[in-house]
Amino acid sequence: MTSVTEFLLNRSSQPRLTAPAPDRATLEKAFACAARAPDHALLRPWRYLVIEGEGLEQLGNLFASTCPNNADESEIEKLRRAPLRAPMIVVGIVSPSEHPKVPEVEQLLSAGTGMSFLELALQEAGFGVMWRTGPIAYHPAVREGLGLSEHESIIGFLYTGTVAMEKPRVPRPDVHEFVSDWPPERP
């Protein structure tokens, strides 16, 4: 196996992150990796927002603003504190275009692959990452607050920073559980 394969087999999400976050040179290289995602017709159907420092508090306030008026104060506070779980968050955004040969789903897959490449590049640089979504990623107030256009969607919040504490390894399924041959062999 190559070093890339070994790296992929050992990849894991890290929920406990602390400062420092990736520096600008590391981020630039990681975004260059993200731009290597397969991209039919070179549409570049992605963009990213980097949020750190005071921006994390503003993002927390934006998250908290999505709570209904009758929400419990602890629920509001949980959303307000959520972005503070890492020193940096990269918001992945799919920004599809109309194209006669490239359906929107292919553009979404391209943007998701770019986000995954970004995640892997940051991990290879020694940082921990956690890709988060949940209902907050699809809330209209969050989309609007982050300045997304009507045709854009959030594909994830990539929390990143220095790993504070390694999490235990997660068991992975056996390949035979999700791979089969087609057409199936006849008995």
N, C-alpha and C. Protein backbone atom coordinates (compact mmCIF):
# COMPACT_ATOMS: atom_id res chain seq x y z
N MET A 1 0.83 -1.19 0.00
CA MET A 1 0.00 0.00 0.00
C MET A 1 0.88 1.25 0.00
N THR A 2 0.37 2.28 -0.63
CA THR A 2 1.10 3.55 -0.66
C THR A 2 0.88 4.31 0.63
N SER A 3 1.66 5.35 0.83
CA SER A 3 1.48 6.17 2.02
C SER A 3 0.11 6.86 2.01
N VAL A 4 -0.42 7.17 0.83
CA VAL A 4 -1.75 7.79 0.75
C VAL A 4 -2.79 6.80 1.26
N THR A 5 -2.70 5.55 0.84
CA THR A 5 -3.66 4.54 1.28
C THR A 5 -3.57 4.33 2.79
N GLU A 6 -2.37 4.23 3.31
CA GLU A 6 -2.19 4.08 4.76
C GLU A 6 -2.80 5.26 5.50
N PHE A 7 -2.56 6.46 4.98
CA PHE A 7 -3.10 7.67 5.59
C PHE A 7 -4.63 7.60 5.63
N LEU A 8 -5.25 7.22 4.51
CA LEU A 8 -6.71 7.14 4.45
C LEU A 8 -7.25 6.10 5.42
N LEU A 9 -6.57 4.98 5.53
CA LEU A 9 -7.02 3.93 6.44
C LEU A 9 -6.93 4.35 7.90
N ASN A 10 -6.11 5.34 8.21
CA ASN A 10 -5.95 5.81 9.59
C ASN A 10 -6.65 7.13 9.87
N ARG A 11 -7.33 7.69 8.88
CA ARG A 11 -8.02 8.98 9.03
C ARG A 11 -9.13 8.87 10.07
N SER A 12 -9.31 9.91 10.85
CA SER A 12 -10.45 9.94 11.77
C SER A 12 -10.80 11.38 12.10
N SER A 13 -12.05 11.57 12.47
CA SER A 13 -12.51 12.89 12.89
C SER A 13 -12.12 13.10 14.34
N GLN A 14 -11.77 14.33 14.68
CA GLN A 14 -11.33 14.66 16.04
C GLN A 14 -12.23 15.76 16.61
N PRO A 15 -13.08 15.42 17.58
CA PRO A 15 -14.00 16.41 18.13
C PRO A 15 -13.40 17.38 19.14
N ARG A 16 -12.25 17.07 19.72
CA ARG A 16 -11.66 17.94 20.75
C ARG A 16 -10.48 18.69 20.15
N LEU A 17 -10.73 19.95 19.81
CA LEU A 17 -9.73 20.77 19.12
C LEU A 17 -9.43 22.03 19.90
N THR A 18 -8.20 22.48 19.82
CA THR A 18 -7.76 23.68 20.52
C THR A 18 -6.82 24.47 19.62
N ALA A 19 -6.39 25.64 20.07
CA ALA A 19 -5.43 26.44 19.32
C ALA A 19 -4.07 25.77 19.40
N PRO A 20 -3.23 25.96 18.42
CA PRO A 20 -3.41 26.86 17.28
C PRO A 20 -4.18 26.20 16.14
N ALA A 21 -4.77 27.07 15.34
CA ALA A 21 -5.43 26.66 14.10
C ALA A 21 -4.38 26.66 12.99
N PRO A 22 -4.71 26.11 11.84
CA PRO A 22 -3.77 26.17 10.72
C PRO A 22 -3.42 27.61 10.37
N ASP A 23 -2.16 27.83 10.02
CA ASP A 23 -1.74 29.16 9.58
C ASP A 23 -2.14 29.37 8.12
N ARG A 24 -1.97 30.58 7.62
CA ARG A 24 -2.42 30.92 6.27
C ARG A 24 -1.72 30.11 5.19
N ALA A 25 -0.42 29.82 5.35
CA ALA A 25 0.30 29.04 4.35
C ALA A 25 -0.25 27.62 4.29
N THR A 26 -0.52 27.04 5.45
CA THR A 26 -1.10 25.70 5.49
C THR A 26 -2.49 25.70 4.87
N LEU A 27 -3.29 26.71 5.21
CA LEU A 27 -4.63 26.81 4.63
C LEU A 27 -4.58 26.94 3.11
N GLU A 28 -3.67 27.77 2.62
CA GLU A 28 -3.56 27.96 1.18
C GLU A 28 -3.25 26.65 0.47
N LYS A 29 -2.33 25.89 1.03
CA LYS A 29 -1.98 24.60 0.44
C LYS A 29 -3.17 23.64 0.51
N ALA A 30 -3.89 23.64 1.63
CA ALA A 30 -5.05 22.77 1.79
C ALA A 30 -6.15 23.15 0.80
N PHE A 31 -6.37 24.45 0.59
CA PHE A 31 -7.38 24.87 -0.39
C PHE A 31 -6.94 24.51 -1.81
N ALA A 32 -5.64 24.55 -2.07
CA ALA A 32 -5.14 24.12 -3.38
C ALA A 32 -5.45 22.64 -3.59
N CYS A 33 -5.36 21.85 -2.53
CA CYS A 33 -5.73 20.43 -2.61
C CYS A 33 -7.23 20.30 -2.88
N ALA A 34 -8.04 21.10 -2.20
CA ALA A 34 -9.49 21.06 -2.40
C ALA A 34 -9.85 21.34 -3.85
N ALA A 35 -9.11 22.23 -4.48
CA ALA A 35 -9.37 22.60 -5.87
C ALA A 35 -9.00 21.49 -6.86
N ARG A 36 -8.40 20.40 -6.37
CA ARG A 36 -8.07 19.26 -7.22
C ARG A 36 -9.22 18.25 -7.29
N ALA A 37 -10.34 18.56 -6.68
CA ALA A 37 -11.49 17.66 -6.74
C ALA A 37 -11.94 17.49 -8.18
N PRO A 38 -12.43 16.30 -8.54
CA PRO A 38 -12.96 16.12 -9.89
C PRO A 38 -14.02 17.18 -10.16
N ASP A 39 -13.95 17.77 -11.32
CA ASP A 39 -14.78 18.94 -11.62
C ASP A 39 -15.13 18.94 -13.10
N HIS A 40 -16.18 18.21 -13.45
CA HIS A 40 -16.63 18.11 -14.83
C HIS A 40 -16.91 19.50 -15.40
N ALA A 41 -16.31 19.82 -16.51
CA ALA A 41 -16.46 21.10 -17.22
C ALA A 41 -15.80 22.28 -16.50
N LEU A 42 -14.98 22.00 -15.49
CA LEU A 42 -14.25 23.04 -14.76
C LEU A 42 -15.16 24.17 -14.28
N LEU A 43 -16.27 23.79 -13.68
CA LEU A 43 -17.24 24.78 -13.19
C LEU A 43 -16.84 25.37 -11.84
N ARG A 44 -15.99 24.68 -11.11
CA ARG A 44 -15.58 25.11 -9.76
C ARG A 44 -16.81 25.47 -8.91
N PRO A 45 -17.66 24.46 -8.67
CA PRO A 45 -18.92 24.73 -7.97
C PRO A 45 -18.79 24.77 -6.45
N TRP A 46 -17.77 25.41 -5.97
CA TRP A 46 -17.54 25.45 -4.53
C TRP A 46 -16.95 26.80 -4.14
N ARG A 47 -17.12 27.10 -2.89
CA ARG A 47 -16.40 28.21 -2.27
C ARG A 47 -16.37 27.95 -0.77
N TYR A 48 -15.52 28.70 -0.09
CA TYR A 48 -15.30 28.46 1.34
C TYR A 48 -15.25 29.77 2.10
N LEU A 49 -15.68 29.72 3.35
CA LEU A 49 -15.54 30.84 4.28
C LEU A 49 -14.66 30.36 5.43
N VAL A 50 -13.66 31.15 5.81
CA VAL A 50 -12.81 30.83 6.95
C VAL A 50 -13.24 31.72 8.11
N ILE A 51 -13.57 31.08 9.21
CA ILE A 51 -14.07 31.82 10.38
C ILE A 51 -13.18 31.49 11.58
N GLU A 52 -12.68 32.53 12.23
CA GLU A 52 -11.88 32.35 13.45
C GLU A 52 -12.01 33.61 14.31
N GLY A 53 -11.44 33.56 15.50
CA GLY A 53 -11.47 34.71 16.40
C GLY A 53 -12.88 35.16 16.72
N GLU A 54 -13.10 36.48 16.61
CA GLU A 54 -14.42 37.05 16.90
C GLU A 54 -15.51 36.51 15.99
N GLY A 55 -15.11 36.09 14.81
CA GLY A 55 -16.07 35.52 13.86
C GLY A 55 -16.76 34.28 14.41
N LEU A 56 -16.05 33.51 15.25
CA LEU A 56 -16.66 32.33 15.85
C LEU A 56 -17.79 32.71 16.80
N GLU A 57 -17.60 33.79 17.55
CA GLU A 57 -18.66 34.27 18.43
C GLU A 57 -19.85 34.77 17.62
N GLN A 58 -19.58 35.47 16.53
CA GLN A 58 -20.66 35.94 15.66
C GLN A 58 -21.42 34.77 15.05
N LEU A 59 -20.68 33.72 14.66
CA LEU A 59 -21.33 32.53 14.12
C LEU A 59 -22.20 31.88 15.19
N GLY A 60 -21.71 31.83 16.43
CA GLY A 60 -22.50 31.28 17.53
C GLY A 60 -23.79 32.07 17.74
N ASN A 61 -23.72 33.38 17.64
CA ASN A 61 -24.92 34.20 17.76
C ASN A 61 -25.89 33.93 16.61
N LEU A 62 -25.33 33.72 15.41
CA LEU A 62 -26.16 33.39 14.25
C LEU A 62 -26.85 32.04 14.49
N PHE A 63 -26.10 31.05 14.97
CA PHE A 63 -26.70 29.75 15.27
C PHE A 63 -27.81 29.90 16.30
N ALA A 64 -27.55 30.66 17.36
CA ALA A 64 -28.53 30.84 18.44
C ALA A 64 -29.79 31.55 17.93
N SER A 65 -29.64 32.41 16.95
CA SER A 65 -30.79 33.15 16.41
C SER A 65 -31.79 32.24 15.70
N THR A 66 -31.40 31.01 15.42
CA THR A 66 -32.30 30.08 14.72
C THR A 66 -33.28 29.40 15.66
N CYS A 67 -33.07 29.56 16.98
CA CYS A 67 -33.96 28.93 17.96
C CYS A 67 -35.32 29.60 17.95
N PRO A 68 -36.37 28.82 18.11
CA PRO A 68 -37.71 29.43 18.21
C PRO A 68 -37.82 30.24 19.50
N ASN A 69 -38.77 31.15 19.52
CA ASN A 69 -38.95 32.04 20.67
C ASN A 69 -39.18 31.29 21.98
N ASN A 70 -39.76 30.09 21.91
CA ASN A 70 -40.04 29.33 23.13
C ASN A 70 -38.92 28.36 23.49
N ALA A 71 -37.75 28.52 22.88
CA ALA A 71 -36.64 27.60 23.12
C ALA A 71 -36.10 27.75 24.54
N ASP A 72 -35.64 26.65 25.06
CA ASP A 72 -35.02 26.61 26.38
C ASP A 72 -33.69 27.36 26.31
N GLU A 73 -33.36 28.11 27.36
CA GLU A 73 -32.12 28.90 27.38
C GLU A 73 -30.89 28.02 27.20
N SER A 74 -30.92 26.79 27.71
CA SER A 74 -29.76 25.90 27.56
C SER A 74 -29.57 25.49 26.10
N GLU A 75 -30.65 25.34 25.37
CA GLU A 75 -30.57 25.02 23.94
C GLU A 75 -29.95 26.18 23.16
N ILE A 76 -30.38 27.39 23.49
CA ILE A 76 -29.84 28.59 22.85
C ILE A 76 -28.35 28.72 23.14
N GLU A 77 -27.98 28.52 24.40
CA GLU A 77 -26.58 28.64 24.80
C GLU A 77 -25.72 27.56 24.16
N LYS A 78 -26.26 26.36 24.01
CA LYS A 78 -25.52 25.27 23.35
C LYS A 78 -25.19 25.66 21.91
N LEU A 79 -26.15 26.22 21.21
CA LEU A 79 -25.90 26.66 19.82
C LEU A 79 -24.92 27.82 19.79
N ARG A 80 -25.04 28.73 20.75
CA ARG A 80 -24.14 29.89 20.80
C ARG A 80 -22.69 29.44 21.02
N ARG A 81 -22.49 28.40 21.82
CA ARG A 81 -21.13 27.93 22.12
C ARG A 81 -20.57 26.94 21.09
N ALA A 82 -21.42 26.39 20.25
CA ALA A 82 -21.00 25.34 19.31
C ALA A 82 -19.76 25.72 18.48
N PRO A 83 -19.70 26.90 17.90
CA PRO A 83 -18.52 27.23 17.10
C PRO A 83 -17.23 27.40 17.91
N LEU A 84 -17.35 27.50 19.22
CA LEU A 84 -16.17 27.69 20.06
C LEU A 84 -15.45 26.37 20.36
N ARG A 85 -15.92 25.29 19.75
CA ARG A 85 -15.30 23.98 19.97
C ARG A 85 -14.00 23.82 19.18
N ALA A 86 -13.65 24.82 18.38
CA ALA A 86 -12.41 24.78 17.59
C ALA A 86 -11.95 26.21 17.37
N PRO A 87 -10.66 26.41 17.14
CA PRO A 87 -10.18 27.77 16.90
C PRO A 87 -10.46 28.28 15.48
N MET A 88 -10.91 27.39 14.58
CA MET A 88 -11.20 27.79 13.21
C MET A 88 -12.29 26.88 12.64
N ILE A 89 -13.17 27.49 11.87
CA ILE A 89 -14.18 26.72 11.13
C ILE A 89 -14.10 27.16 9.68
N VAL A 90 -14.08 26.17 8.79
CA VAL A 90 -14.16 26.44 7.36
C VAL A 90 -15.55 25.98 6.91
N VAL A 91 -16.31 26.91 6.34
CA VAL A 91 -17.64 26.58 5.85
C VAL A 91 -17.50 26.22 4.38
N GLY A 92 -17.91 25.00 4.04
CA GLY A 92 -17.91 24.56 2.65
C GLY A 92 -19.25 24.88 2.02
N ILE A 93 -19.21 25.50 0.85
CA ILE A 93 -20.43 25.94 0.17
C ILE A 93 -20.43 25.39 -1.25
N VAL A 94 -21.54 24.76 -1.63
CA VAL A 94 -21.70 24.36 -3.03
C VAL A 94 -22.39 25.51 -3.74
N SER A 95 -21.82 25.89 -4.87
CA SER A 95 -22.32 27.02 -5.65
C SER A 95 -22.51 26.55 -7.10
N PRO A 96 -23.60 25.82 -7.34
CA PRO A 96 -23.78 25.23 -8.66
C PRO A 96 -24.16 26.25 -9.73
N SER A 97 -23.85 25.88 -10.98
CA SER A 97 -24.20 26.70 -12.14
C SER A 97 -25.07 25.87 -13.07
N GLU A 98 -25.85 26.56 -13.86
CA GLU A 98 -26.61 25.87 -14.92
C GLU A 98 -25.61 25.42 -15.97
N HIS A 99 -25.70 24.15 -16.37
CA HIS A 99 -24.81 23.64 -17.41
C HIS A 99 -25.54 22.50 -18.13
N PRO A 100 -25.49 22.49 -19.47
CA PRO A 100 -26.24 21.48 -20.22
C PRO A 100 -25.73 20.05 -20.01
N LYS A 101 -24.47 19.87 -19.63
CA LYS A 101 -23.92 18.52 -19.48
C LYS A 101 -23.57 18.14 -18.05
N VAL A 102 -23.66 19.09 -17.13
CA VAL A 102 -23.24 18.80 -15.76
C VAL A 102 -24.41 19.09 -14.82
N PRO A 103 -25.15 18.05 -14.42
CA PRO A 103 -26.28 18.28 -13.51
C PRO A 103 -25.81 18.76 -12.14
N GLU A 104 -26.72 19.37 -11.43
CA GLU A 104 -26.41 19.92 -10.12
C GLU A 104 -25.84 18.88 -9.16
N VAL A 105 -26.34 17.64 -9.24
CA VAL A 105 -25.86 16.60 -8.33
C VAL A 105 -24.36 16.36 -8.53
N GLU A 106 -23.87 16.41 -9.77
CA GLU A 106 -22.44 16.24 -10.01
C GLU A 106 -21.63 17.39 -9.40
N GLN A 107 -22.20 18.57 -9.43
CA GLN A 107 -21.53 19.73 -8.85
C GLN A 107 -21.50 19.63 -7.33
N LEU A 108 -22.58 19.12 -6.75
CA LEU A 108 -22.62 18.90 -5.31
C LEU A 108 -21.56 17.87 -4.90
N LEU A 109 -21.45 16.79 -5.68
CA LEU A 109 -20.44 15.77 -5.38
C LEU A 109 -19.03 16.34 -5.50
N SER A 110 -18.82 17.20 -6.47
CA SER A 110 -17.51 17.83 -6.64
C SER A 110 -17.18 18.70 -5.43
N ALA A 111 -18.14 19.49 -4.98
CA ALA A 111 -17.91 20.34 -3.81
C ALA A 111 -17.66 19.50 -2.56
N GLY A 112 -18.40 18.40 -2.41
CA GLY A 112 -18.19 17.51 -1.27
C GLY A 112 -16.82 16.86 -1.31
N THR A 113 -16.39 16.49 -2.49
CA THR A 113 -15.05 15.91 -2.64
C THR A 113 -13.99 16.94 -2.29
N GLY A 114 -14.19 18.18 -2.73
CA GLY A 114 -13.25 19.25 -2.38
C GLY A 114 -13.15 19.44 -0.88
N MET A 115 -14.28 19.37 -0.21
CA MET A 115 -14.30 19.51 1.25
C MET A 115 -13.53 18.35 1.89
N SER A 116 -13.71 17.17 1.35
CA SER A 116 -12.99 16.01 1.87
C SER A 116 -11.49 16.14 1.63
N PHE A 117 -11.10 16.62 0.44
CA PHE A 117 -9.67 16.83 0.17
C PHE A 117 -9.09 17.87 1.12
N LEU A 118 -9.86 18.93 1.40
CA LEU A 118 -9.43 19.95 2.36
C LEU A 118 -9.21 19.33 3.73
N GLU A 119 -10.17 18.52 4.15
CA GLU A 119 -10.07 17.83 5.44
C GLU A 119 -8.81 16.97 5.51
N LEU A 120 -8.56 16.20 4.46
CA LEU A 120 -7.39 15.31 4.45
C LEU A 120 -6.09 16.10 4.44
N ALA A 121 -6.05 17.20 3.68
CA ALA A 121 -4.83 18.02 3.63
C ALA A 121 -4.52 18.64 5.00
N LEU A 122 -5.56 19.08 5.70
CA LEU A 122 -5.34 19.64 7.03
C LEU A 122 -4.86 18.57 8.01
N GLN A 123 -5.41 17.38 7.90
CA GLN A 123 -4.96 16.30 8.77
C GLN A 123 -3.52 15.92 8.45
N GLU A 124 -3.18 15.88 7.18
CA GLU A 124 -1.81 15.54 6.79
C GLU A 124 -0.83 16.58 7.32
N ALA A 125 -1.29 17.82 7.45
CA ALA A 125 -0.45 18.91 7.97
C ALA A 125 -0.36 18.86 9.50
N GLY A 126 -1.04 17.91 10.12
CA GLY A 126 -0.93 17.74 11.57
C GLY A 126 -2.08 18.30 12.38
N PHE A 127 -3.14 18.76 11.72
CA PHE A 127 -4.27 19.33 12.44
C PHE A 127 -5.41 18.32 12.53
N GLY A 128 -6.24 18.51 13.54
CA GLY A 128 -7.43 17.69 13.68
C GLY A 128 -8.58 18.38 12.98
N VAL A 129 -9.55 17.59 12.54
CA VAL A 129 -10.72 18.15 11.87
C VAL A 129 -11.97 17.38 12.28
N MET A 130 -13.08 18.05 12.19
CA MET A 130 -14.38 17.43 12.43
C MET A 130 -15.36 18.10 11.47
N TRP A 131 -15.92 17.33 10.56
CA TRP A 131 -16.90 17.83 9.59
C TRP A 131 -18.26 17.71 10.23
N ARG A 132 -18.93 18.84 10.43
CA ARG A 132 -20.23 18.86 11.07
C ARG A 132 -21.27 19.49 10.14
N THR A 133 -22.50 18.99 10.27
CA THR A 133 -23.62 19.60 9.54
C THR A 133 -24.78 19.73 10.52
N GLY A 134 -25.78 18.90 10.38
CA GLY A 134 -26.96 18.99 11.22
C GLY A 134 -27.93 20.03 10.70
N PRO A 135 -29.07 20.16 11.35
CA PRO A 135 -30.12 21.08 10.88
C PRO A 135 -29.63 22.53 10.71
N ILE A 136 -28.67 22.92 11.52
CA ILE A 136 -28.17 24.30 11.48
C ILE A 136 -27.57 24.63 10.10
N ALA A 137 -26.98 23.64 9.45
CA ALA A 137 -26.35 23.85 8.14
C ALA A 137 -27.39 24.15 7.06
N TYR A 138 -28.63 23.75 7.30
CA TYR A 138 -29.67 23.91 6.28
C TYR A 138 -30.69 24.99 6.64
N HIS A 139 -30.46 25.66 7.76
CA HIS A 139 -31.41 26.68 8.21
C HIS A 139 -31.29 27.93 7.34
N PRO A 140 -32.41 28.46 6.85
CA PRO A 140 -32.36 29.64 5.98
C PRO A 140 -31.68 30.85 6.63
N ALA A 141 -31.84 31.03 7.94
CA ALA A 141 -31.22 32.18 8.61
C ALA A 141 -29.70 32.07 8.61
N VAL A 142 -29.18 30.84 8.70
CA VAL A 142 -27.74 30.64 8.68
C VAL A 142 -27.22 30.89 7.26
N ARG A 143 -27.91 30.35 6.28
CA ARG A 143 -27.52 30.58 4.88
C ARG A 143 -27.48 32.09 4.58
N GLU A 144 -28.53 32.79 4.99
CA GLU A 144 -28.60 34.22 4.75
C GLU A 144 -27.53 34.98 5.54
N GLY A 145 -27.36 34.62 6.81
CA GLY A 145 -26.39 35.29 7.67
C GLY A 145 -24.96 35.14 7.17
N LEU A 146 -24.67 34.03 6.50
CA LEU A 146 -23.33 33.80 5.95
C LEU A 146 -23.19 34.36 4.54
N GLY A 147 -24.25 34.94 4.02
CA GLY A 147 -24.16 35.60 2.72
C GLY A 147 -24.27 34.68 1.52
N LEU A 148 -24.91 33.52 1.69
CA LEU A 148 -25.07 32.62 0.57
C LEU A 148 -26.11 33.15 -0.41
N SER A 149 -25.89 32.91 -1.67
CA SER A 149 -26.88 33.25 -2.69
C SER A 149 -28.01 32.23 -2.62
N GLU A 150 -29.11 32.55 -3.28
CA GLU A 150 -30.29 31.68 -3.27
C GLU A 150 -29.98 30.27 -3.77
N HIS A 151 -29.08 30.14 -4.74
CA HIS A 151 -28.79 28.84 -5.35
C HIS A 151 -27.69 28.06 -4.61
N GLU A 152 -27.12 28.63 -3.55
CA GLU A 152 -26.02 27.99 -2.83
C GLU A 152 -26.52 27.26 -1.58
N SER A 153 -25.72 26.27 -1.16
CA SER A 153 -26.03 25.51 0.05
C SER A 153 -24.74 25.24 0.82
N ILE A 154 -24.89 25.09 2.12
CA ILE A 154 -23.76 24.71 2.98
C ILE A 154 -23.60 23.19 2.89
N ILE A 155 -22.38 22.73 2.62
CA ILE A 155 -22.14 21.29 2.62
C ILE A 155 -21.50 20.84 3.92
N GLY A 156 -21.04 21.78 4.71
CA GLY A 156 -20.51 21.40 6.01
C GLY A 156 -19.71 22.49 6.67
N PHE A 157 -19.57 22.32 7.98
CA PHE A 157 -18.72 23.18 8.80
C PHE A 157 -17.52 22.32 9.18
N LEU A 158 -16.34 22.66 8.70
CA LEU A 158 -15.15 21.89 9.00
C LEU A 158 -14.43 22.56 10.16
N TYR A 159 -14.63 22.00 11.36
CA TYR A 159 -13.97 22.50 12.56
C TYR A 159 -12.52 22.02 12.49
N THR A 160 -11.55 22.91 12.74
CA THR A 160 -10.16 22.49 12.68
C THR A 160 -9.31 23.20 13.73
N GLY A 161 -8.26 22.54 14.11
CA GLY A 161 -7.32 23.07 15.10
C GLY A 161 -6.38 21.97 15.52
N THR A 162 -5.72 22.17 16.62
CA THR A 162 -4.79 21.19 17.15
C THR A 162 -5.58 20.19 17.99
N VAL A 163 -5.28 18.92 17.83
CA VAL A 163 -6.00 17.88 18.58
C VAL A 163 -5.67 18.01 20.07
N ALA A 164 -6.70 18.19 20.88
CA ALA A 164 -6.52 18.32 22.34
C ALA A 164 -6.41 16.96 22.99
N MET A 165 -7.16 15.99 22.45
CA MET A 165 -7.15 14.65 23.00
C MET A 165 -7.62 13.69 21.91
N GLU A 166 -6.78 12.70 21.59
CA GLU A 166 -7.15 11.71 20.57
C GLU A 166 -8.39 10.95 21.02
N LYS A 167 -9.31 10.76 20.11
CA LYS A 167 -10.47 9.94 20.45
C LYS A 167 -10.15 8.48 20.12
N PRO A 168 -10.85 7.55 20.77
CA PRO A 168 -10.60 6.13 20.49
C PRO A 168 -10.90 5.81 19.03
N ARG A 169 -10.21 4.81 18.50
CA ARG A 169 -10.45 4.39 17.12
C ARG A 169 -11.87 3.86 16.98
N VAL A 170 -12.49 4.19 15.87
CA VAL A 170 -13.84 3.74 15.58
C VAL A 170 -13.75 2.50 14.69
N PRO A 171 -14.44 1.43 15.05
CA PRO A 171 -14.39 0.25 14.19
C PRO A 171 -15.03 0.54 12.83
N ARG A 172 -14.42 0.06 11.81
CA ARG A 172 -14.91 0.26 10.44
C ARG A 172 -15.51 -1.04 9.92
N PRO A 173 -16.49 -0.95 9.02
CA PRO A 173 -17.11 -2.17 8.50
C PRO A 173 -16.15 -2.94 7.60
N ASP A 174 -16.37 -4.23 7.54
CA ASP A 174 -15.62 -5.07 6.62
C ASP A 174 -16.07 -4.72 5.19
N VAL A 175 -15.14 -4.69 4.27
CA VAL A 175 -15.43 -4.31 2.89
C VAL A 175 -16.54 -5.16 2.30
N HIS A 176 -16.60 -6.43 2.65
CA HIS A 176 -17.60 -7.34 2.09
C HIS A 176 -19.02 -6.99 2.54
N GLU A 177 -19.15 -6.14 3.55
CA GLU A 177 -20.47 -5.73 4.01
C GLU A 177 -21.13 -4.72 3.08
N PHE A 178 -20.33 -4.03 2.27
CA PHE A 178 -20.92 -2.99 1.42
C PHE A 178 -20.45 -3.04 -0.04
N VAL A 179 -19.76 -4.09 -0.43
CA VAL A 179 -19.31 -4.24 -1.82
C VAL A 179 -19.77 -5.59 -2.33
N SER A 180 -20.32 -5.59 -3.54
CA SER A 180 -20.73 -6.85 -4.17
C SER A 180 -20.42 -6.76 -5.67
N ASP A 181 -20.41 -7.91 -6.30
CA ASP A 181 -20.19 -7.97 -7.74
C ASP A 181 -21.51 -7.87 -8.47
N TRP A 182 -21.44 -7.33 -9.69
CA TRP A 182 -22.61 -7.30 -10.54
C TRP A 182 -22.20 -7.67 -11.94
N PRO A 183 -22.90 -8.47 -12.65
CA PRO A 183 -24.10 -9.18 -12.17
C PRO A 183 -23.71 -10.24 -11.15
N PRO A 184 -24.65 -10.56 -10.27
CA PRO A 184 -24.34 -11.57 -9.26
C PRO A 184 -24.12 -12.94 -9.91
N GLU A 185 -23.27 -13.74 -9.28
CA GLU A 185 -23.05 -15.10 -9.79
C GLU A 185 -24.31 -15.91 -9.61
N ARG A 186 -24.58 -16.76 -10.58
CA ARG A 186 -25.76 -17.63 -10.46
C ARG A 186 -25.35 -18.92 -9.77
N PRO A 187 -26.22 -19.45 -8.93
CA PRO A 187 -25.90 -20.68 -8.22
C PRO A 187 -25.78 -21.89 -9.14
